[in-house]
Amino acid sequence: MRRSTSSSLTAMPYTTSRGTAHTVRTGASTMESYPLTCVGAAPRLKHLRDRPRRGDQVPTIRGSQASIHYEQVGEGPDVVWVSGAGGTARSWDAYQLPYFRGAFRNTTSDCRGVGTTVCDAPQPWPIEGFAQDIADLIAAVCDPPVALVGLSFGAGIVQQVAIDHPDLVRVAIPMGTGARSVGWTWDYQMAEIEWRRAGHGFAGDRSSAVMAAMHYAAMYYPAKVLGDRELWPKLRDGLIAYYERGGEEDSLVAQWLPCVTFDQTESLPGCRVPMHVIAFEQDVQAVPQDNVEVAELAGDGHYHEFAGMGHCSIYGHTHDVLNPLIKELVERYL
């Protein structure tokens, strides 16, 4: 495994049992005036509003297990973005596509079980099924091999595509990830799942949406972001709006269960696709130790850790730092 940082920011080294890595400490980020959606359908910017809205006729391909809704913007080498649990094709609209559309053809999609993607296979869906959807999409609408980027459960899917379909992937960039769920990551996800199985959940009324937004914001962002009196209200309002629309609550068990039942520890060592793991020091959903494990296990693993960032900092907090790193990594291989 190679530990390095592809950033011009000041790097603060730390030592692990396998050697020295670099943690990047970021300064204040520029926050645009549009709202945030951490997971689910991201807000549309003016120059993206010509794209289909949910409920309109949308581009769809028929995969081996699902009818997959996808969207493409830009021209150039292919970058495929994979959203986390509950994410849709719109999850990358506000903070990534405006930056990448000028140099790459960007493909996004609704995960099975959310948005307008419909899966025929019976539940529970294993991570291999989610990966097959992405592989089918790449084969149908891209010119592989592609750069494959994912966050959270989307990162696990990225890893699985690289394992199962290495011919389709030039470089894999999983962010906020793991090779399995153990300890805290198992406990909190199973708590969420069992709470829903017991008949609980967040409704779509205003008070429930506010409660859901407060609950998940603490898991998405570091404390200094929550304490930022200008940034926090913008993030808060976007989250509340998302949960008022339902927050993909009905699909949570189907999306989260494979997050806790998957295990790639035996298959990652045989994966030769270059895998650049991006971890966040303050990530309480995918703790840094889990990210390190992926980079150490991968046959061609690389590790990048950023200080002061949380699980969803790429959405509205430090996208201006992470986007250039992702672009630099993609350009190394495409």
C-alpha atoms as a PDB file:
ATOM      1  CA  MET A   1       0.000   0.000   0.000  1.00  0.00           C
ATOM      2  CA  ARG A   2       1.167   3.491  -0.838  1.00  0.00           C
ATOM      3  CA  ARG A   3       0.305   6.339   1.501  1.00  0.00           C
ATOM      4  CA  SER A   4       0.474   9.747  -0.048  1.00  0.00           C
ATOM      5  CA  THR A   5      -1.357  12.997  -0.537  1.00  0.00           C
ATOM      6  CA  SER A   6      -2.043  14.637  -3.864  1.00  0.00           C
ATOM      7  CA  SER A   7      -2.642  18.094  -2.481  1.00  0.00           C
ATOM      8  CA  SER A   8      -0.651  21.286  -2.279  1.00  0.00           C
ATOM      9  CA  LEU A   9      -1.965  21.907   1.236  1.00  0.00           C
ATOM     10  CA  THR A  10       0.250  21.535   4.272  1.00  0.00           C
ATOM     11  CA  ALA A  11       0.566  17.872   5.165  1.00  0.00           C
ATOM     12  CA  MET A  12       0.802  16.766   8.779  1.00  0.00           C
ATOM     13  CA  PRO A  13       2.457  13.308   8.918  1.00  0.00           C
ATOM     14  CA  TYR A  14       1.372  10.605  11.269  1.00  0.00           C
ATOM     15  CA  THR A  15       2.651   7.086  11.791  1.00  0.00           C
ATOM     16  CA  THR A  16       0.772   3.805  11.592  1.00  0.00           C
ATOM     17  CA  SER A  17       1.935   0.239  12.010  1.00  0.00           C
ATOM     18  CA  ARG A  18       2.613   0.063   8.275  1.00  0.00           C
ATOM     19  CA  GLY A  19       4.591   3.296   7.947  1.00  0.00           C
ATOM     20  CA  THR A  20       4.082   7.010   7.504  1.00  0.00           C
ATOM     21  CA  ALA A  21       1.014   8.570   5.956  1.00  0.00           C
ATOM     22  CA  HIS A  22      -0.053  12.148   5.440  1.00  0.00           C
ATOM     23  CA  THR A  23      -3.059  13.924   6.824  1.00  0.00           C
ATOM     24  CA  VAL A  24      -4.065  17.093   5.011  1.00  0.00           C
ATOM     25  CA  ARG A  25      -5.252  19.975   7.129  1.00  0.00           C
ATOM     26  CA  THR A  26      -7.581  22.273   5.300  1.00  0.00           C
ATOM     27  CA  GLY A  27      -8.347  25.890   5.847  1.00  0.00           C
ATOM     28  CA  ALA A  28     -11.677  27.633   5.383  1.00  0.00           C
ATOM     29  CA  SER A  29     -13.621  26.558   2.322  1.00  0.00           C
ATOM     30  CA  THR A  30     -15.719  28.694   0.043  1.00  0.00           C
ATOM     31  CA  MET A  31     -19.403  27.910   0.442  1.00  0.00           C
ATOM     32  CA  GLU A  32     -21.690  28.561  -2.507  1.00  0.00           C
ATOM     33  CA  SER A  33     -25.173  29.897  -1.933  1.00  0.00           C
ATOM     34  CA  TYR A  34     -27.092  26.818  -3.093  1.00  0.00           C
ATOM     35  CA  PRO A  35     -28.346  24.224  -0.593  1.00  0.00           C
ATOM     36  CA  LEU A  36     -27.015  20.778   0.155  1.00  0.00           C
ATOM     37  CA  THR A  37     -28.432  17.297  -0.006  1.00  0.00           C
ATOM     38  CA  CYS A  38     -26.067  14.776   1.604  1.00  0.00           C
ATOM     39  CA  VAL A  39     -27.769  11.673   0.349  1.00  0.00           C
ATOM     40  CA  GLY A  40     -30.582  11.429  -2.121  1.00  0.00           C
ATOM     41  CA  ALA A  41     -31.545  13.832  -4.874  1.00  0.00           C
ATOM     42  CA  ALA A  42     -29.147  16.762  -4.847  1.00  0.00           C
ATOM     43  CA  PRO A  43     -30.385  20.266  -5.733  1.00  0.00           C
ATOM     44  CA  ARG A  44     -30.179  21.355  -9.354  1.00  0.00           C
ATOM     45  CA  LEU A  45     -28.129  24.326 -10.395  1.00  0.00           C
ATOM     46  CA  LYS A  46     -29.414  26.664 -13.112  1.00  0.00           C
ATOM     47  CA  HIS A  47     -27.147  25.268 -15.797  1.00  0.00           C
ATOM     48  CA  LEU A  48     -28.259  21.700 -15.003  1.00  0.00           C
ATOM     49  CA  ARG A  49     -32.008  22.338 -14.992  1.00  0.00           C
ATOM     50  CA  ASP A  50     -32.475  21.137 -18.547  1.00  0.00           C
ATOM     51  CA  ARG A  51     -31.954  17.609 -17.255  1.00  0.00           C
ATOM     52  CA  PRO A  52     -35.038  15.398 -16.663  1.00  0.00           C
ATOM     53  CA  ARG A  53     -36.870  15.698 -13.362  1.00  0.00           C
ATOM     54  CA  ARG A  54     -38.065  12.672 -11.456  1.00  0.00           C
ATOM     55  CA  GLY A  55     -41.361  11.569 -12.939  1.00  0.00           C
ATOM     56  CA  ASP A  56     -40.448  12.806 -16.407  1.00  0.00           C
ATOM     57  CA  GLN A  57     -39.225  10.437 -19.098  1.00  0.00           C
ATOM     58  CA  VAL A  58     -35.699   9.579 -17.993  1.00  0.00           C
ATOM     59  CA  PRO A  59     -32.833   7.691 -19.656  1.00  0.00           C
ATOM     60  CA  THR A  60     -32.914   4.064 -18.596  1.00  0.00           C
ATOM     61  CA  ILE A  61     -30.976   0.944 -19.532  1.00  0.00           C
ATOM     62  CA  ARG A  62     -32.069  -2.605 -18.919  1.00  0.00           C
ATOM     63  CA  GLY A  63     -29.440  -4.431 -16.905  1.00  0.00           C
ATOM     64  CA  SER A  64     -29.267  -8.087 -15.985  1.00  0.00           C
ATOM     65  CA  GLN A  65     -31.164  -7.505 -12.730  1.00  0.00           C
ATOM     66  CA  ALA A  66     -32.632  -4.002 -12.898  1.00  0.00           C
ATOM     67  CA  SER A  67     -33.927  -1.177 -15.052  1.00  0.00           C
ATOM     68  CA  ILE A  68     -31.390   1.508 -14.208  1.00  0.00           C
ATOM     69  CA  HIS A  69     -32.053   5.230 -14.412  1.00  0.00           C
ATOM     70  CA  TYR A  70     -28.919   7.151 -15.303  1.00  0.00           C
ATOM     71  CA  GLU A  71     -27.858  10.631 -16.402  1.00  0.00           C
ATOM     72  CA  GLN A  72     -24.793  11.862 -18.305  1.00  0.00           C
ATOM     73  CA  VAL A  73     -23.259  15.329 -18.598  1.00  0.00           C
ATOM     74  CA  GLY A  74     -20.037  16.566 -20.166  1.00  0.00           C
ATOM     75  CA  GLU A  75     -17.709  15.173 -22.799  1.00  0.00           C
ATOM     76  CA  GLY A  76     -14.378  13.387 -22.528  1.00  0.00           C
ATOM     77  CA  PRO A  77     -13.062  10.299 -20.729  1.00  0.00           C
ATOM     78  CA  ASP A  78     -15.648   8.511 -18.604  1.00  0.00           C
ATOM     79  CA  VAL A  79     -16.031   9.125 -14.886  1.00  0.00           C
ATOM     80  CA  VAL A  80     -18.793   7.137 -13.189  1.00  0.00           C
ATOM     81  CA  TRP A  81     -20.083   8.349  -9.811  1.00  0.00           C
ATOM     82  CA  VAL A  82     -21.704   5.910  -7.357  1.00  0.00           C
ATOM     83  CA  SER A  83     -23.865   7.345  -4.588  1.00  0.00           C
ATOM     84  CA  GLY A  84     -24.151   6.110  -1.045  1.00  0.00           C
ATOM     85  CA  ALA A  85     -27.153   4.312   0.415  1.00  0.00           C
ATOM     86  CA  GLY A  86     -30.315   6.153  -0.573  1.00  0.00           C
ATOM     87  CA  GLY A  87     -28.429   8.200  -3.155  1.00  0.00           C
ATOM     88  CA  THR A  88     -29.735   9.064  -6.596  1.00  0.00           C
ATOM     89  CA  ALA A  89     -28.345  10.328  -9.882  1.00  0.00           C
ATOM     90  CA  ARG A  90     -28.723  13.843  -8.485  1.00  0.00           C
ATOM     91  CA  SER A  91     -26.449  13.354  -5.480  1.00  0.00           C
ATOM     92  CA  TRP A  92     -23.445  14.783  -7.369  1.00  0.00           C
ATOM     93  CA  ASP A  93     -25.212  17.661  -9.154  1.00  0.00           C
ATOM     94  CA  ALA A  94     -24.416  20.568  -6.874  1.00  0.00           C
ATOM     95  CA  TYR A  95     -20.819  20.051  -5.844  1.00  0.00           C
ATOM     96  CA  GLN A  96     -19.089  17.731  -8.319  1.00  0.00           C
ATOM     97  CA  LEU A  97     -20.615  17.933 -11.812  1.00  0.00           C
ATOM     98  CA  PRO A  98     -20.073  21.692 -12.273  1.00  0.00           C
ATOM     99  CA  TYR A  99     -16.363  21.076 -11.662  1.00  0.00           C
ATOM    100  CA  PHE A 100     -15.949  17.900 -13.732  1.00  0.00           C
ATOM    101  CA  ARG A 101     -18.326  18.388 -16.661  1.00  0.00           C
ATOM    102  CA  GLY A 102     -15.876  20.484 -18.654  1.00  0.00           C
ATOM    103  CA  ALA A 103     -13.265  17.718 -18.899  1.00  0.00           C
ATOM    104  CA  PHE A 104     -15.105  14.401 -18.531  1.00  0.00           C
ATOM    105  CA  ARG A 105     -18.263  12.581 -19.457  1.00  0.00           C
ATOM    106  CA  ASN A 106     -19.907  12.036 -16.075  1.00  0.00           C
ATOM    107  CA  THR A 107     -22.383   9.224 -15.520  1.00  0.00           C
ATOM    108  CA  THR A 108     -24.588   9.098 -12.417  1.00  0.00           C
ATOM    109  CA  SER A 109     -27.448   6.770 -11.552  1.00  0.00           C
ATOM    110  CA  ASP A 110     -30.147   5.925  -9.050  1.00  0.00           C
ATOM    111  CA  CYS A 111     -29.171   3.008  -6.832  1.00  0.00           C
ATOM    112  CA  ARG A 112     -31.523   0.051  -6.952  1.00  0.00           C
ATOM    113  CA  GLY A 113     -34.443   0.660  -4.635  1.00  0.00           C
ATOM    114  CA  VAL A 114     -34.391   4.461  -4.846  1.00  0.00           C
ATOM    115  CA  GLY A 115     -35.349   7.030  -7.436  1.00  0.00           C
ATOM    116  CA  THR A 116     -36.642   5.437 -10.635  1.00  0.00           C
ATOM    117  CA  THR A 117     -34.309   2.414 -10.752  1.00  0.00           C
ATOM    118  CA  VAL A 118     -36.350  -0.773 -10.356  1.00  0.00           C
ATOM    119  CA  CYS A 119     -34.767  -4.107  -9.418  1.00  0.00           C
ATOM    120  CA  ASP A 120     -36.380  -7.447 -10.267  1.00  0.00           C
ATOM    121  CA  ALA A 121     -34.291  -9.547  -7.894  1.00  0.00           C
ATOM    122  CA  PRO A 122     -35.816 -10.433  -4.527  1.00  0.00           C
ATOM    123  CA  GLN A 123     -34.468  -8.847  -1.361  1.00  0.00           C
ATOM    124  CA  PRO A 124     -32.138  -8.930   0.471  1.00  0.00           C
ATOM    125  CA  TRP A 125     -29.838  -7.523  -2.201  1.00  0.00           C
ATOM    126  CA  PRO A 126     -26.139  -8.356  -1.752  1.00  0.00           C
ATOM    127  CA  ILE A 127     -23.447  -5.843  -2.618  1.00  0.00           C
ATOM    128  CA  GLU A 128     -22.609  -7.953  -5.680  1.00  0.00           C
ATOM    129  CA  GLY A 129     -26.044  -7.091  -7.087  1.00  0.00           C
ATOM    130  CA  PHE A 130     -25.478  -3.359  -6.694  1.00  0.00           C
ATOM    131  CA  ALA A 131     -22.084  -3.795  -8.354  1.00  0.00           C
ATOM    132  CA  GLN A 132     -23.665  -5.689 -11.240  1.00  0.00           C
ATOM    133  CA  ASP A 133     -26.000  -2.751 -11.870  1.00  0.00           C
ATOM    134  CA  ILE A 134     -23.028  -0.400 -12.179  1.00  0.00           C
ATOM    135  CA  ALA A 135     -21.144  -2.858 -14.395  1.00  0.00           C
ATOM    136  CA  ASP A 136     -24.189  -3.166 -16.672  1.00  0.00           C
ATOM    137  CA  LEU A 137     -24.444   0.624 -16.835  1.00  0.00           C
ATOM    138  CA  ILE A 138     -20.760   1.084 -17.691  1.00  0.00           C
ATOM    139  CA  ALA A 139     -20.930  -1.540 -20.435  1.00  0.00           C
ATOM    140  CA  ALA A 140     -24.052   0.037 -21.921  1.00  0.00           C
ATOM    141  CA  VAL A 141     -23.381   3.777 -21.918  1.00  0.00           C
ATOM    142  CA  CYS A 142     -19.633   4.305 -21.330  1.00  0.00           C
ATOM    143  CA  ASP A 143     -16.374   3.553 -23.143  1.00  0.00           C
ATOM    144  CA  PRO A 144     -14.605   1.377 -20.546  1.00  0.00           C
ATOM    145  CA  PRO A 145     -12.360   1.151 -18.708  1.00  0.00           C
ATOM    146  CA  VAL A 146     -13.594   4.112 -16.659  1.00  0.00           C
ATOM    147  CA  ALA A 147     -12.677   6.018 -13.526  1.00  0.00           C
ATOM    148  CA  LEU A 148     -15.079   4.866 -10.815  1.00  0.00           C
ATOM    149  CA  VAL A 149     -15.741   7.129  -7.819  1.00  0.00           C
ATOM    150  CA  GLY A 150     -17.998   6.368  -4.860  1.00  0.00           C
ATOM    151  CA  LEU A 151     -18.842   7.542  -1.354  1.00  0.00           C
ATOM    152  CA  SER A 152     -19.980   5.493   1.645  1.00  0.00           C
ATOM    153  CA  PHE A 153     -21.900   2.404   0.461  1.00  0.00           C
ATOM    154  CA  GLY A 154     -21.154   3.675  -3.041  1.00  0.00           C
ATOM    155  CA  ALA A 155     -17.466   3.206  -2.211  1.00  0.00           C
ATOM    156  CA  GLY A 156     -18.092  -0.406  -1.265  1.00  0.00           C
ATOM    157  CA  ILE A 157     -19.896  -0.844  -4.592  1.00  0.00           C
ATOM    158  CA  VAL A 158     -16.918   0.702  -6.398  1.00  0.00           C
ATOM    159  CA  GLN A 159     -14.633  -1.834  -4.724  1.00  0.00           C
ATOM    160  CA  GLN A 160     -16.935  -4.692  -5.669  1.00  0.00           C
ATOM    161  CA  VAL A 161     -17.062  -3.608  -9.326  1.00  0.00           C
ATOM    162  CA  ALA A 162     -13.249  -3.471  -9.354  1.00  0.00           C
ATOM    163  CA  ILE A 163     -13.141  -6.978  -7.848  1.00  0.00           C
ATOM    164  CA  ASP A 164     -15.779  -8.563 -10.106  1.00  0.00           C
ATOM    165  CA  HIS A 165     -15.263  -6.571 -13.326  1.00  0.00           C
ATOM    166  CA  PRO A 166     -11.658  -5.290 -13.361  1.00  0.00           C
ATOM    167  CA  ASP A 167     -11.744  -4.907 -17.146  1.00  0.00           C
ATOM    168  CA  LEU A 168     -14.304  -2.117 -16.770  1.00  0.00           C
ATOM    169  CA  VAL A 169     -12.297  -0.010 -14.284  1.00  0.00           C
ATOM    170  CA  ARG A 170      -9.087   1.936 -14.942  1.00  0.00           C
ATOM    171  CA  VAL A 171      -8.959   3.434 -11.444  1.00  0.00           C
ATOM    172  CA  ALA A 172     -11.192   3.059  -8.390  1.00  0.00           C
ATOM    173  CA  ILE A 173     -11.607   5.953  -5.934  1.00  0.00           C
ATOM    174  CA  PRO A 174     -13.624   4.876  -2.874  1.00  0.00           C
ATOM    175  CA  MET A 175     -14.245   7.528  -0.203  1.00  0.00           C
ATOM    176  CA  GLY A 176     -15.395   6.936   3.353  1.00  0.00           C
ATOM    177  CA  THR A 177     -15.272   3.179   3.002  1.00  0.00           C
ATOM    178  CA  GLY A 178     -14.427  -0.183   4.508  1.00  0.00           C
ATOM    179  CA  ALA A 179     -13.837  -3.787   3.528  1.00  0.00           C
ATOM    180  CA  ARG A 180     -16.393  -5.085   6.065  1.00  0.00           C
ATOM    181  CA  SER A 181     -18.455  -3.831   8.982  1.00  0.00           C
ATOM    182  CA  VAL A 182     -17.020  -4.467  12.445  1.00  0.00           C
ATOM    183  CA  GLY A 183     -17.222  -2.756  15.815  1.00  0.00           C
ATOM    184  CA  TRP A 184     -18.841   0.652  15.743  1.00  0.00           C
ATOM    185  CA  THR A 185     -19.692   0.583  12.045  1.00  0.00           C
ATOM    186  CA  TRP A 186     -21.602  -2.677  12.543  1.00  0.00           C
ATOM    187  CA  ASP A 187     -23.289  -1.507  15.741  1.00  0.00           C
ATOM    188  CA  TYR A 188     -24.667   1.816  14.542  1.00  0.00           C
ATOM    189  CA  GLN A 189     -25.884   0.480  11.190  1.00  0.00           C
ATOM    190  CA  MET A 190     -27.599  -2.528  12.760  1.00  0.00           C
ATOM    191  CA  ALA A 191     -29.195  -0.205  15.310  1.00  0.00           C
ATOM    192  CA  GLU A 192     -30.669   1.841  12.448  1.00  0.00           C
ATOM    193  CA  ILE A 193     -31.869  -1.317  10.676  1.00  0.00           C
ATOM    194  CA  GLU A 194     -33.399  -2.964  13.740  1.00  0.00           C
ATOM    195  CA  TRP A 195     -35.127   0.297  14.724  1.00  0.00           C
ATOM    196  CA  ARG A 196     -36.892   0.281  11.348  1.00  0.00           C
ATOM    197  CA  ARG A 197     -37.686  -3.425  11.580  1.00  0.00           C
ATOM    198  CA  ALA A 198     -39.354  -2.685  14.918  1.00  0.00           C
ATOM    199  CA  GLY A 199     -41.718  -0.299  13.157  1.00  0.00           C
ATOM    200  CA  HIS A 200     -39.975   2.976  13.908  1.00  0.00           C
ATOM    201  CA  GLY A 201     -38.609   5.552  11.500  1.00  0.00           C
ATOM    202  CA  PHE A 202     -38.667   9.199  10.500  1.00  0.00           C
ATOM    203  CA  ALA A 203     -41.908  10.360   8.921  1.00  0.00           C
ATOM    204  CA  GLY A 204     -42.140  13.099   6.305  1.00  0.00           C
ATOM    205  CA  ASP A 205     -43.778  15.728   8.511  1.00  0.00           C
ATOM    206  CA  ARG A 206     -41.859  18.848   9.460  1.00  0.00           C
ATOM    207  CA  SER A 207     -40.934  17.850  13.027  1.00  0.00           C
ATOM    208  CA  SER A 208     -39.757  14.389  11.954  1.00  0.00           C
ATOM    209  CA  ALA A 209     -37.739  15.884   9.109  1.00  0.00           C
ATOM    210  CA  VAL A 210     -36.045  18.320  11.486  1.00  0.00           C
ATOM    211  CA  MET A 211     -35.239  15.497  13.900  1.00  0.00           C
ATOM    212  CA  ALA A 212     -33.824  13.340  11.097  1.00  0.00           C
ATOM    213  CA  ALA A 213     -31.715  16.244   9.837  1.00  0.00           C
ATOM    214  CA  MET A 214     -30.227  16.847  13.300  1.00  0.00           C
ATOM    215  CA  HIS A 215     -29.609  13.129  13.825  1.00  0.00           C
ATOM    216  CA  TYR A 216     -27.742  12.614  10.561  1.00  0.00           C
ATOM    217  CA  ALA A 217     -25.961  15.970  10.400  1.00  0.00           C
ATOM    218  CA  ALA A 218     -23.895  14.918  13.411  1.00  0.00           C
ATOM    219  CA  MET A 219     -22.819  11.848  11.437  1.00  0.00           C
ATOM    220  CA  TYR A 220     -22.133  13.727   8.201  1.00  0.00           C
ATOM    221  CA  TYR A 221     -20.031  16.676   9.349  1.00  0.00           C
ATOM    222  CA  PRO A 222     -17.275  17.488  11.867  1.00  0.00           C
ATOM    223  CA  ALA A 223     -18.018  19.640  14.900  1.00  0.00           C
ATOM    224  CA  LYS A 224     -16.459  22.785  13.455  1.00  0.00           C
ATOM    225  CA  VAL A 225     -18.854  22.656  10.516  1.00  0.00           C
ATOM    226  CA  LEU A 226     -21.857  22.280  12.804  1.00  0.00           C
ATOM    227  CA  GLY A 227     -20.537  25.241  14.770  1.00  0.00           C
ATOM    228  CA  ASP A 228     -20.023  27.419  11.691  1.00  0.00           C
ATOM    229  CA  ARG A 229     -22.760  30.056  12.008  1.00  0.00           C
ATOM    230  CA  GLU A 230     -22.820  30.797   8.280  1.00  0.00           C
ATOM    231  CA  LEU A 231     -22.324  27.327   6.820  1.00  0.00           C
ATOM    232  CA  TRP A 232     -24.500  25.294   9.183  1.00  0.00           C
ATOM    233  CA  PRO A 233     -27.850  27.014   8.361  1.00  0.00           C
ATOM    234  CA  LYS A 234     -27.315  26.277   4.666  1.00  0.00           C
ATOM    235  CA  LEU A 235     -26.515  22.636   5.298  1.00  0.00           C
ATOM    236  CA  ARG A 236     -29.383  22.333   7.790  1.00  0.00           C
ATOM    237  CA  ASP A 237     -31.986  23.699   5.405  1.00  0.00           C
ATOM    238  CA  GLY A 238     -30.913  21.338   2.627  1.00  0.00           C
ATOM    239  CA  LEU A 239     -31.089  18.335   4.939  1.00  0.00           C
ATOM    240  CA  ILE A 240     -34.512  19.262   6.301  1.00  0.00           C
ATOM    241  CA  ALA A 241     -35.851  19.672   2.763  1.00  0.00           C
ATOM    242  CA  TYR A 242     -34.511  16.233   1.828  1.00  0.00           C
ATOM    243  CA  TYR A 243     -36.119  14.517   4.814  1.00  0.00           C
ATOM    244  CA  GLU A 244     -39.409  16.362   4.282  1.00  0.00           C
ATOM    245  CA  ARG A 245     -39.506  14.645   0.869  1.00  0.00           C
ATOM    246  CA  GLY A 246     -39.212  11.282   2.608  1.00  0.00           C
ATOM    247  CA  GLY A 247     -35.445  10.809   2.734  1.00  0.00           C
ATOM    248  CA  GLU A 248     -35.700   7.412   1.048  1.00  0.00           C
ATOM    249  CA  GLU A 249     -36.847   6.088   4.411  1.00  0.00           C
ATOM    250  CA  ASP A 250     -38.702   3.145   2.833  1.00  0.00           C
ATOM    251  CA  SER A 251     -35.513   1.822   1.225  1.00  0.00           C
ATOM    252  CA  LEU A 252     -33.221   2.117   4.242  1.00  0.00           C
ATOM    253  CA  VAL A 253     -33.138  -1.548   5.250  1.00  0.00           C
ATOM    254  CA  ALA A 254     -32.612  -2.730   1.665  1.00  0.00           C
ATOM    255  CA  GLN A 255     -29.781  -0.225   1.223  1.00  0.00           C
ATOM    256  CA  TRP A 256     -28.108  -0.539   4.618  1.00  0.00           C
ATOM    257  CA  LEU A 257     -28.278  -4.304   5.142  1.00  0.00           C
ATOM    258  CA  PRO A 258     -25.604  -5.064   2.495  1.00  0.00           C
ATOM    259  CA  CYS A 259     -23.471  -2.377   4.157  1.00  0.00           C
ATOM    260  CA  VAL A 260     -23.197  -4.600   7.229  1.00  0.00           C
ATOM    261  CA  THR A 261     -23.257  -8.063   5.671  1.00  0.00           C
ATOM    262  CA  PHE A 262     -20.580  -7.602   2.984  1.00  0.00           C
ATOM    263  CA  ASP A 263     -16.988  -8.765   3.452  1.00  0.00           C
ATOM    264  CA  GLN A 264     -14.290  -8.077   0.867  1.00  0.00           C
ATOM    265  CA  THR A 265     -11.287  -8.986   2.993  1.00  0.00           C
ATOM    266  CA  GLU A 266     -10.517 -12.140   1.020  1.00  0.00           C
ATOM    267  CA  SER A 267     -11.183 -10.723  -2.462  1.00  0.00           C
ATOM    268  CA  LEU A 268      -9.449  -7.329  -2.261  1.00  0.00           C
ATOM    269  CA  PRO A 269      -5.868  -8.719  -2.265  1.00  0.00           C
ATOM    270  CA  GLY A 270      -6.455 -10.235  -5.689  1.00  0.00           C
ATOM    271  CA  CYS A 271      -7.804  -6.989  -7.150  1.00  0.00           C
ATOM    272  CA  ARG A 272      -5.133  -5.316  -9.304  1.00  0.00           C
ATOM    273  CA  VAL A 273      -7.153  -2.237 -10.234  1.00  0.00           C
ATOM    274  CA  PRO A 274      -5.404   0.849  -8.769  1.00  0.00           C
ATOM    275  CA  MET A 275      -7.478   1.775  -5.729  1.00  0.00           C
ATOM    276  CA  HIS A 276      -7.082   5.237  -4.193  1.00  0.00           C
ATOM    277  CA  VAL A 277      -8.863   5.257  -0.840  1.00  0.00           C
ATOM    278  CA  ILE A 278      -9.838   8.721   0.419  1.00  0.00           C
ATOM    279  CA  ALA A 279     -10.531   8.828   4.149  1.00  0.00           C
ATOM    280  CA  PHE A 280     -11.699  11.597   6.477  1.00  0.00           C
ATOM    281  CA  GLU A 281     -10.226  12.039   9.937  1.00  0.00           C
ATOM    282  CA  GLN A 282     -13.556  13.045  11.529  1.00  0.00           C
ATOM    283  CA  ASP A 283     -15.671  10.429   9.723  1.00  0.00           C
ATOM    284  CA  VAL A 284     -17.904   8.683  12.267  1.00  0.00           C
ATOM    285  CA  GLN A 285     -19.760   6.599   9.670  1.00  0.00           C
ATOM    286  CA  ALA A 286     -16.694   5.068   8.017  1.00  0.00           C
ATOM    287  CA  VAL A 287     -13.934   5.435  10.580  1.00  0.00           C
ATOM    288  CA  PRO A 288     -10.367   5.930   9.270  1.00  0.00           C
ATOM    289  CA  GLN A 289      -9.259   2.503  10.485  1.00  0.00           C
ATOM    290  CA  ASP A 290     -11.759   0.870   8.126  1.00  0.00           C
ATOM    291  CA  ASN A 291     -10.440   2.909   5.207  1.00  0.00           C
ATOM    292  CA  VAL A 292      -6.850   1.966   6.015  1.00  0.00           C
ATOM    293  CA  GLU A 293      -7.830  -1.686   5.954  1.00  0.00           C
ATOM    294  CA  VAL A 294      -9.147  -1.359   2.380  1.00  0.00           C
ATOM    295  CA  ALA A 295      -5.942   0.314   1.170  1.00  0.00           C
ATOM    296  CA  GLU A 296      -3.774  -2.269   2.922  1.00  0.00           C
ATOM    297  CA  LEU A 297      -5.735  -5.206   1.534  1.00  0.00           C
ATOM    298  CA  ALA A 298      -6.092  -3.982  -2.058  1.00  0.00           C
ATOM    299  CA  GLY A 299      -3.615  -5.433  -4.531  1.00  0.00           C
ATOM    300  CA  ASP A 300      -2.706  -1.914  -5.678  1.00  0.00           C
ATOM    301  CA  GLY A 301      -3.868   0.237  -2.770  1.00  0.00           C
ATOM    302  CA  HIS A 302      -3.165   3.902  -2.058  1.00  0.00           C
ATOM    303  CA  TYR A 303      -4.289   5.857   0.995  1.00  0.00           C
ATOM    304  CA  HIS A 304      -5.176   9.551   1.371  1.00  0.00           C
ATOM    305  CA  GLU A 305      -6.510  10.900   4.671  1.00  0.00           C
ATOM    306  CA  PHE A 306      -7.821  14.415   5.192  1.00  0.00           C
ATOM    307  CA  ALA A 307      -7.936  16.062   8.593  1.00  0.00           C
ATOM    308  CA  GLY A 308     -10.907  18.086   9.720  1.00  0.00           C
ATOM    309  CA  MET A 309     -13.351  16.398   7.328  1.00  0.00           C
ATOM    310  CA  GLY A 310     -16.393  14.231   7.955  1.00  0.00           C
ATOM    311  CA  HIS A 311     -18.269  11.613   5.991  1.00  0.00           C
ATOM    312  CA  CYS A 312     -20.111  14.086   3.766  1.00  0.00           C
ATOM    313  CA  SER A 313     -17.630  16.965   3.709  1.00  0.00           C
ATOM    314  CA  ILE A 314     -17.418  16.543  -0.068  1.00  0.00           C
ATOM    315  CA  TYR A 315     -20.959  17.963  -0.164  1.00  0.00           C
ATOM    316  CA  GLY A 316     -20.766  21.641   0.674  1.00  0.00           C
ATOM    317  CA  HIS A 317     -17.857  21.706   3.130  1.00  0.00           C
ATOM    318  CA  THR A 318     -14.552  20.887   1.400  1.00  0.00           C
ATOM    319  CA  HIS A 319     -15.555  19.953  -2.139  1.00  0.00           C
ATOM    320  CA  ASP A 320     -13.166  22.693  -3.319  1.00  0.00           C
ATOM    321  CA  VAL A 321     -10.305  20.637  -1.811  1.00  0.00           C
ATOM    322  CA  LEU A 322     -11.473  17.133  -2.702  1.00  0.00           C
ATOM    323  CA  ASN A 323     -12.595  17.773  -6.285  1.00  0.00           C
ATOM    324  CA  PRO A 324      -9.091  18.786  -7.475  1.00  0.00           C
ATOM    325  CA  LEU A 325      -7.607  15.695  -5.807  1.00  0.00           C
ATOM    326  CA  ILE A 326     -10.118  13.406  -7.507  1.00  0.00           C
ATOM    327  CA  LYS A 327      -9.478  15.126 -10.841  1.00  0.00           C
ATOM    328  CA  GLU A 328      -5.716  14.705 -10.413  1.00  0.00           C
ATOM    329  CA  LEU A 329      -6.122  11.004  -9.643  1.00  0.00           C
ATOM    330  CA  VAL A 330      -8.441  10.447 -12.592  1.00  0.00           C
ATOM    331  CA  GLU A 331      -6.063  12.213 -14.986  1.00  0.00           C
ATOM    332  CA  ARG A 332      -3.201   9.940 -13.923  1.00  0.00           C
ATOM    333  CA  TYR A 333      -5.021   6.953 -15.410  1.00  0.00           C
ATOM    334  CA  LEU A 334      -7.361   8.200 -18.152  1.00  0.00           C
END
